[in-house]
Amino acid sequence: MFDPKSLDDIASRLAGAIPPGLSSLKEDLEKSFHAILQSALGKLDLVTREEFEVQKLVLAKTRSKLEDLEKRVTGMEQQLLSKDEL
C-alpha cells in the first residue's frame, strides 16, 4: 500500500521538527508519529501505483471498445434509416 521507507522518512522529519529542548522525547515521538501515520494511512482505501496503472490500461481499452461499438451502432442506424427512405 504505502512505502514503509516513505513512512519512516515522514516520521523522522516530524520528529526532527521537535524543538531541541524536547530532544530526549524524539525517539518516542518518532515511534508515535510512525504508528499514527500507519494507522491513518491504513484506514484509507489506497492502491499501489502498479494497481493504478493496470486499471488505467483496462479503462483505456474499455473506452476504445466503447467508441468502436458506438461507431458500429451509428453505422447500423444510418443503414436502417437509408433503407427506410427507399
C-alpha atoms as a PDB file:
ATOM      1  CA  MET A   1       0.000   0.000   0.000  1.00  0.00           C
ATOM      2  CA  PHE A   2       2.280   2.797   1.237  1.00  0.00           C
ATOM      3  CA  ASP A   3       6.055   2.513   1.026  1.00  0.00           C
ATOM      4  CA  PRO A   4       7.368   1.816   4.550  1.00  0.00           C
ATOM      5  CA  LYS A   5      10.546   3.798   3.809  1.00  0.00           C
ATOM      6  CA  SER A   6       8.438   6.853   2.980  1.00  0.00           C
ATOM      7  CA  LEU A   7       6.509   6.389   6.191  1.00  0.00           C
ATOM      8  CA  ASP A   8       9.758   6.191   8.170  1.00  0.00           C
ATOM      9  CA  ASP A   9      11.040   9.302   6.389  1.00  0.00           C
ATOM     10  CA  ILE A  10       7.903  11.292   7.222  1.00  0.00           C
ATOM     11  CA  ALA A  11       8.030  10.173  10.870  1.00  0.00           C
ATOM     12  CA  SER A  12      11.725  11.145  11.040  1.00  0.00           C
ATOM     13  CA  ARG A  13      11.010  14.562   9.559  1.00  0.00           C
ATOM     14  CA  LEU A  14       8.232  15.175  12.054  1.00  0.00           C
ATOM     15  CA  ALA A  15      10.489  14.105  14.916  1.00  0.00           C
ATOM     16  CA  GLY A  16      13.273  16.289  13.509  1.00  0.00           C
ATOM     17  CA  ALA A  17      10.987  19.300  13.772  1.00  0.00           C
ATOM     18  CA  ILE A  18      10.782  18.874  17.533  1.00  0.00           C
ATOM     19  CA  PRO A  19      12.460  21.753  19.412  1.00  0.00           C
ATOM     20  CA  PRO A  20      15.942  20.959  20.815  1.00  0.00           C
ATOM     21  CA  GLY A  21      14.690  21.140  24.399  1.00  0.00           C
ATOM     22  CA  LEU A  22      12.490  18.100  23.775  1.00  0.00           C
ATOM     23  CA  SER A  23      15.148  16.034  22.007  1.00  0.00           C
ATOM     24  CA  SER A  24      15.011  13.444  24.794  1.00  0.00           C
ATOM     25  CA  LEU A  25      11.487  12.642  23.606  1.00  0.00           C
ATOM     26  CA  LYS A  26      12.486  12.493  19.950  1.00  0.00           C
ATOM     27  CA  GLU A  27      12.695   8.686  19.676  1.00  0.00           C
ATOM     28  CA  ASP A  28       9.354   8.160  21.437  1.00  0.00           C
ATOM     29  CA  LEU A  29       7.708  10.838  19.333  1.00  0.00           C
ATOM     30  CA  GLU A  30       9.113   9.335  16.140  1.00  0.00           C
ATOM     31  CA  LYS A  31       7.620   5.953  17.064  1.00  0.00           C
ATOM     32  CA  SER A  32       4.308   7.621  17.893  1.00  0.00           C
ATOM     33  CA  PHE A  33       4.309   9.570  14.631  1.00  0.00           C
ATOM     34  CA  HIS A  34       5.049   6.362  12.744  1.00  0.00           C
ATOM     35  CA  ALA A  35       2.189   4.498  14.430  1.00  0.00           C
ATOM     36  CA  ILE A  36      -0.264   7.359  13.898  1.00  0.00           C
ATOM     37  CA  LEU A  37       0.682   7.725  10.225  1.00  0.00           C
ATOM     38  CA  GLN A  38       0.484   3.982   9.635  1.00  0.00           C
ATOM     39  CA  SER A  39      -2.928   3.810  11.291  1.00  0.00           C
ATOM     40  CA  ALA A  40      -4.304   6.808   9.393  1.00  0.00           C
ATOM     41  CA  LEU A  41      -2.997   5.606   6.044  1.00  0.00           C
ATOM     42  CA  GLY A  42      -4.251   2.093   6.748  1.00  0.00           C
ATOM     43  CA  LYS A  43      -7.789   3.431   7.021  1.00  0.00           C
ATOM     44  CA  LEU A  44      -7.599   4.985   3.572  1.00  0.00           C
ATOM     45  CA  ASP A  45      -8.638   2.947   0.574  1.00  0.00           C
ATOM     46  CA  LEU A  46      -5.365   3.296  -1.336  1.00  0.00           C
ATOM     47  CA  VAL A  47      -3.967   1.264  -4.198  1.00  0.00           C
ATOM     48  CA  THR A  48      -0.405   0.822  -5.344  1.00  0.00           C
ATOM     49  CA  ARG A  49       0.929   2.668  -8.370  1.00  0.00           C
ATOM     50  CA  GLU A  50       1.096  -0.688 -10.183  1.00  0.00           C
ATOM     51  CA  GLU A  51      -2.578  -1.439  -9.486  1.00  0.00           C
ATOM     52  CA  PHE A  52      -3.488   2.077 -10.601  1.00  0.00           C
ATOM     53  CA  GLU A  53      -1.571   1.724 -13.875  1.00  0.00           C
ATOM     54  CA  VAL A  54      -3.218  -1.651 -14.598  1.00  0.00           C
ATOM     55  CA  GLN A  55      -6.679  -0.181 -14.039  1.00  0.00           C
ATOM     56  CA  LYS A  56      -5.771   2.803 -16.182  1.00  0.00           C
ATOM     57  CA  LEU A  57      -4.891   0.452 -19.066  1.00  0.00           C
ATOM     58  CA  VAL A  58      -8.103  -1.525 -18.566  1.00  0.00           C
ATOM     59  CA  LEU A  59     -10.115   1.691 -18.645  1.00  0.00           C
ATOM     60  CA  ALA A  60      -8.374   2.889 -21.825  1.00  0.00           C
ATOM     61  CA  LYS A  61      -9.058  -0.453 -23.524  1.00  0.00           C
ATOM     62  CA  THR A  62     -12.698  -0.377 -22.422  1.00  0.00           C
ATOM     63  CA  ARG A  63     -13.091   3.202 -23.621  1.00  0.00           C
ATOM     64  CA  SER A  64     -11.647   2.258 -27.022  1.00  0.00           C
ATOM     65  CA  LYS A  65     -14.026  -0.705 -27.350  1.00  0.00           C
ATOM     66  CA  LEU A  66     -16.961   1.501 -26.373  1.00  0.00           C
ATOM     67  CA  GLU A  67     -16.039   4.084 -29.008  1.00  0.00           C
ATOM     68  CA  ASP A  68     -15.799   1.333 -31.640  1.00  0.00           C
ATOM     69  CA  LEU A  69     -19.199  -0.034 -30.639  1.00  0.00           C
ATOM     70  CA  GLU A  70     -20.730   3.445 -30.764  1.00  0.00           C
ATOM     71  CA  LYS A  71     -19.413   3.862 -34.317  1.00  0.00           C
ATOM     72  CA  ARG A  72     -20.827   0.475 -35.330  1.00  0.00           C
ATOM     73  CA  VAL A  73     -24.238   1.284 -33.842  1.00  0.00           C
ATOM     74  CA  THR A  74     -24.262   4.670 -35.588  1.00  0.00           C
ATOM     75  CA  GLY A  75     -23.398   2.959 -38.885  1.00  0.00           C
ATOM     76  CA  MET A  76     -26.183   0.399 -38.428  1.00  0.00           C
ATOM     77  CA  GLU A  77     -28.673   3.143 -37.561  1.00  0.00           C
ATOM     78  CA  GLN A  78     -27.716   5.038 -40.711  1.00  0.00           C
ATOM     79  CA  GLN A  79     -28.133   1.889 -42.812  1.00  0.00           C
ATOM     80  CA  LEU A  80     -31.581   1.283 -41.343  1.00  0.00           C
ATOM     81  CA  LEU A  81     -32.592   4.894 -41.932  1.00  0.00           C
ATOM     82  CA  SER A  82     -31.395   4.817 -45.539  1.00  0.00           C
ATOM     83  CA  LYS A  83     -33.326   1.556 -46.158  1.00  0.00           C
ATOM     84  CA  ASP A  84     -36.467   3.128 -44.671  1.00  0.00           C
ATOM     85  CA  GLU A  85     -36.121   6.086 -47.034  1.00  0.00           C
ATOM     86  CA  LEU A  86     -36.167   3.815 -50.082  1.00  0.00           C
END
